[in-house]
Amino acid sequence: MAVAGVLVLARSVRMITKFTSALDIPVEFVEKNVKLRGKLHRITEKGLEVEHIPISIPFITSIQRKWQSEGLLLVRLAGVELAPSGTAWLQQELKPQQMGRFLSVCLNEEILRQGLGRTARIEGLHHDSRLYWELHKRLLRAELRALKKNKGIWKEESYSERIRDRISNNKFVQTLKQFASWFRSSI
């Protein structure tokens, strides 16, 4: 009975711990898809800088604040290779210090559904694990939806856009543009 009490206490301590590194998050949390709360501070090239907000227990909160570490948790979008338009979309949709509409939405899937990135290898999970393949399958489905709907990076160019691109990328046209630019600068 004492062992069960120790396990419950250990689990409770983890739930009220403020995470400042992804390595601090217990593997069981990832495996069981435990939702963590936090406030967005910044969106950077490396990921989302989030202040993790642990569960607060009234009589422990004052003690909790004394031994919690300061700092932000860098959250990277696992399994997603973000397109530049994806970063812009994140900056537009997620406002720092503000609760957004993504409380129960998987951002990784949403980005892929919008066609703002590609599915990539999920770092940190074993490639042969069941969890890896469940997550990877969900991400691939989201990417496939964007592909079928021609969204974001999967949007096909119209005939006129393809012709315009071919003309502007033509070597003769590029040489002509360089000559015109040189001619204007020499006058």
Protein backbone atom coordinates (compact mmCIF):
# COMPACT_ATOMS: atom_id res chain seq x y z
CA MET A 1 0.00 0.00 0.00
CA ALA A 2 2.86 2.36 0.79
CA VAL A 3 4.34 1.75 -2.67
CA ALA A 4 1.06 2.73 -4.35
CA GLY A 5 0.98 5.91 -2.22
CA VAL A 6 4.52 6.77 -3.30
CA LEU A 7 3.59 6.26 -6.98
CA VAL A 8 0.54 8.52 -6.66
CA LEU A 9 2.65 11.16 -4.88
CA ALA A 10 5.36 10.95 -7.57
CA ARG A 11 2.74 11.32 -10.31
CA SER A 12 1.17 14.29 -8.47
CA VAL A 13 4.55 15.99 -8.09
CA ARG A 14 5.15 15.63 -11.82
CA MET A 15 1.75 17.18 -12.60
CA ILE A 16 2.57 20.29 -10.52
CA THR A 17 6.14 20.59 -11.80
CA LYS A 18 6.91 23.45 -14.18
CA PHE A 19 8.70 22.06 -17.23
CA THR A 20 11.39 24.21 -18.85
CA SER A 21 12.92 21.51 -21.04
CA ALA A 22 11.36 18.83 -23.20
CA LEU A 23 13.63 16.33 -21.45
CA ASP A 24 11.83 17.11 -18.16
CA ILE A 25 8.50 15.86 -19.53
CA PRO A 26 8.01 12.23 -18.49
CA VAL A 27 7.82 9.68 -21.30
CA GLU A 28 4.49 8.46 -19.89
CA PHE A 29 3.02 11.92 -20.55
CA VAL A 30 3.90 11.60 -24.23
CA GLU A 31 2.72 7.99 -24.47
CA LYS A 32 -0.60 8.77 -22.75
CA ASN A 33 -1.03 12.06 -24.65
CA VAL A 34 -1.29 14.11 -21.44
CA LYS A 35 -2.30 17.68 -22.28
CA LEU A 36 -0.09 20.40 -20.80
CA ARG A 37 -1.12 24.04 -20.44
CA GLY A 38 1.05 27.03 -21.23
CA LYS A 39 1.31 30.63 -22.39
CA LEU A 40 2.94 31.40 -25.71
CA HIS A 41 5.73 33.99 -25.44
CA ARG A 42 7.38 33.93 -28.87
CA ILE A 43 7.47 32.12 -32.20
CA THR A 44 11.03 31.63 -33.39
CA GLU A 45 12.80 29.75 -36.17
CA LYS A 46 13.48 26.96 -33.66
CA GLY A 47 9.89 26.62 -32.44
CA LEU A 48 7.38 28.03 -29.98
CA GLU A 49 8.68 29.45 -26.70
CA VAL A 50 6.02 28.58 -24.14
CA GLU A 51 5.79 29.13 -20.40
CA HIS A 52 4.45 25.85 -19.02
CA ILE A 53 1.66 26.37 -16.49
CA PRO A 54 1.53 23.37 -14.16
CA ILE A 55 -1.62 22.24 -12.41
CA SER A 56 -1.95 24.22 -9.20
CA ILE A 57 -3.10 22.69 -5.95
CA PRO A 58 -4.30 25.42 -3.56
CA PHE A 59 -2.37 24.49 -0.41
CA ILE A 60 0.78 23.58 -2.35
CA THR A 61 0.82 26.59 -4.73
CA SER A 62 2.81 28.87 -2.40
CA ILE A 63 5.46 26.18 -1.85
CA GLN A 64 5.29 25.26 -5.54
CA ARG A 65 6.31 28.78 -6.66
CA LYS A 66 9.42 28.74 -4.44
CA TRP A 67 11.01 25.65 -5.99
CA GLN A 68 9.87 25.97 -9.59
CA SER A 69 12.50 26.88 -12.11
CA GLU A 70 12.15 29.95 -14.30
CA GLY A 71 12.37 29.72 -18.04
CA LEU A 72 10.50 28.89 -21.18
CA LEU A 73 9.87 25.53 -22.75
CA LEU A 74 10.90 25.34 -26.42
CA VAL A 75 8.15 23.44 -28.22
CA ARG A 76 9.03 22.13 -31.66
CA LEU A 77 6.41 20.78 -34.01
CA ALA A 78 7.27 17.09 -34.13
CA GLY A 79 6.93 15.40 -37.49
CA VAL A 80 6.47 18.65 -39.41
CA GLU A 81 8.85 20.42 -41.77
CA LEU A 82 7.40 23.91 -41.63
CA ALA A 83 7.20 25.97 -44.84
CA PRO A 84 7.90 29.74 -44.58
CA SER A 85 4.17 30.32 -45.03
CA GLY A 86 3.65 28.05 -42.00
CA THR A 87 5.76 30.28 -39.78
CA ALA A 88 3.82 33.33 -40.97
CA TRP A 89 0.54 31.52 -40.30
CA LEU A 90 1.63 30.61 -36.76
CA GLN A 91 2.61 34.22 -36.05
CA GLN A 92 -0.78 35.41 -37.31
CA GLU A 93 -2.91 32.77 -35.55
CA LEU A 94 -1.06 32.44 -32.24
CA LYS A 95 -0.75 35.67 -30.31
CA PRO A 96 1.66 35.70 -27.35
CA GLN A 97 0.10 35.77 -23.88
CA GLN A 98 -3.34 35.12 -25.39
CA MET A 99 -5.50 32.04 -25.27
CA GLY A 100 -6.19 30.98 -28.85
CA ARG A 101 -8.69 28.77 -30.58
CA PHE A 102 -6.23 25.88 -30.53
CA LEU A 103 -7.01 24.60 -27.05
CA SER A 104 -7.76 21.08 -28.24
CA VAL A 105 -6.31 21.13 -31.75
CA CYS A 106 -3.06 19.43 -32.67
CA LEU A 107 -1.06 22.26 -34.27
CA ASN A 108 1.11 19.75 -36.14
CA GLU A 109 -1.95 18.29 -37.87
CA GLU A 110 -3.55 21.70 -38.46
CA ILE A 111 -0.42 23.02 -40.18
CA LEU A 112 -0.32 19.97 -42.44
CA ARG A 113 -4.10 20.21 -43.11
CA GLN A 114 -3.59 23.82 -44.26
CA GLY A 115 -0.72 22.76 -46.55
CA LEU A 116 1.79 24.88 -44.62
CA GLY A 117 4.40 22.17 -44.22
CA ARG A 118 5.39 18.60 -45.02
CA THR A 119 5.41 15.48 -42.89
CA ALA A 120 8.86 14.72 -41.53
CA ARG A 121 10.49 12.11 -39.29
CA ILE A 122 9.40 12.42 -35.66
CA GLU A 123 12.58 12.99 -33.70
CA GLY A 124 12.82 11.59 -30.18
CA LEU A 125 10.55 8.59 -30.70
CA HIS A 126 11.78 5.16 -31.67
CA HIS A 127 11.10 4.58 -35.35
CA ASP A 128 9.76 1.08 -34.70
CA SER A 129 7.40 1.99 -31.83
CA ARG A 130 3.61 1.81 -32.08
CA LEU A 131 3.31 5.42 -30.85
CA TYR A 132 5.61 6.66 -33.63
CA TRP A 133 3.53 5.04 -36.34
CA GLU A 134 0.20 6.17 -34.86
CA LEU A 135 1.39 9.79 -34.82
CA HIS A 136 3.06 9.56 -38.21
CA LYS A 137 -0.13 8.09 -39.73
CA ARG A 138 -2.21 10.98 -38.33
CA LEU A 139 0.24 13.52 -39.79
CA LEU A 140 0.27 11.81 -43.17
CA ARG A 141 -3.55 11.85 -43.27
CA ALA A 142 -3.54 15.59 -42.54
CA GLU A 143 -0.98 16.20 -45.30
CA LEU A 144 -3.00 14.08 -47.73
CA ARG A 145 -6.11 16.21 -47.04
CA ALA A 146 -4.18 19.36 -48.02
CA LEU A 147 -2.81 17.64 -51.11
CA LYS A 148 -6.28 16.51 -52.23
CA LYS A 149 -7.71 20.02 -51.66
CA ASN A 150 -4.73 21.78 -53.34
CA LYS A 151 -4.05 23.85 -50.22
CA GLY A 152 -0.92 25.80 -49.31
CA ILE A 153 2.27 24.34 -50.77
CA TRP A 154 0.20 21.74 -52.64
CA LYS A 155 -1.74 24.37 -54.59
CA GLU A 156 -1.27 23.78 -58.29
CA GLU A 157 -0.37 26.73 -60.42
CA SER A 158 -2.82 27.80 -63.05
CA TYR A 159 -1.93 27.52 -66.72
CA SER A 160 -1.19 31.25 -66.97
CA GLU A 161 1.04 31.12 -63.86
CA ARG A 162 3.03 28.22 -65.33
CA ILE A 163 3.48 30.11 -68.65
CA ARG A 164 4.53 33.29 -66.81
CA ASP A 165 7.08 31.33 -64.75
CA ARG A 166 8.49 29.60 -67.83
CA ILE A 167 8.87 32.92 -69.64
CA SER A 168 10.53 34.66 -66.70
CA ASN A 169 12.87 31.69 -66.13
CA ASN A 170 13.84 31.52 -69.82
CA LYS A 171 17.60 32.14 -70.31
CA PHE A 172 17.04 34.53 -73.22
CA VAL A 173 14.53 36.61 -71.21
CA GLN A 174 16.91 36.70 -68.22
CA THR A 175 19.79 37.85 -70.44
CA LEU A 176 17.55 40.50 -71.99
CA LYS A 177 16.57 41.74 -68.48
CA GLN A 178 20.25 41.94 -67.47
CA PHE A 179 21.07 43.89 -70.63
CA ALA A 180 18.17 46.31 -70.01
CA SER A 181 19.31 46.79 -66.40
CA TRP A 182 22.92 47.40 -67.52
CA PHE A 183 21.73 49.80 -70.24
CA ARG A 184 19.61 51.86 -67.73
CA SER A 185 22.49 52.10 -65.28
CA SER A 186 24.96 53.23 -67.95
CA ILE A 187 22.78 56.12 -69.16
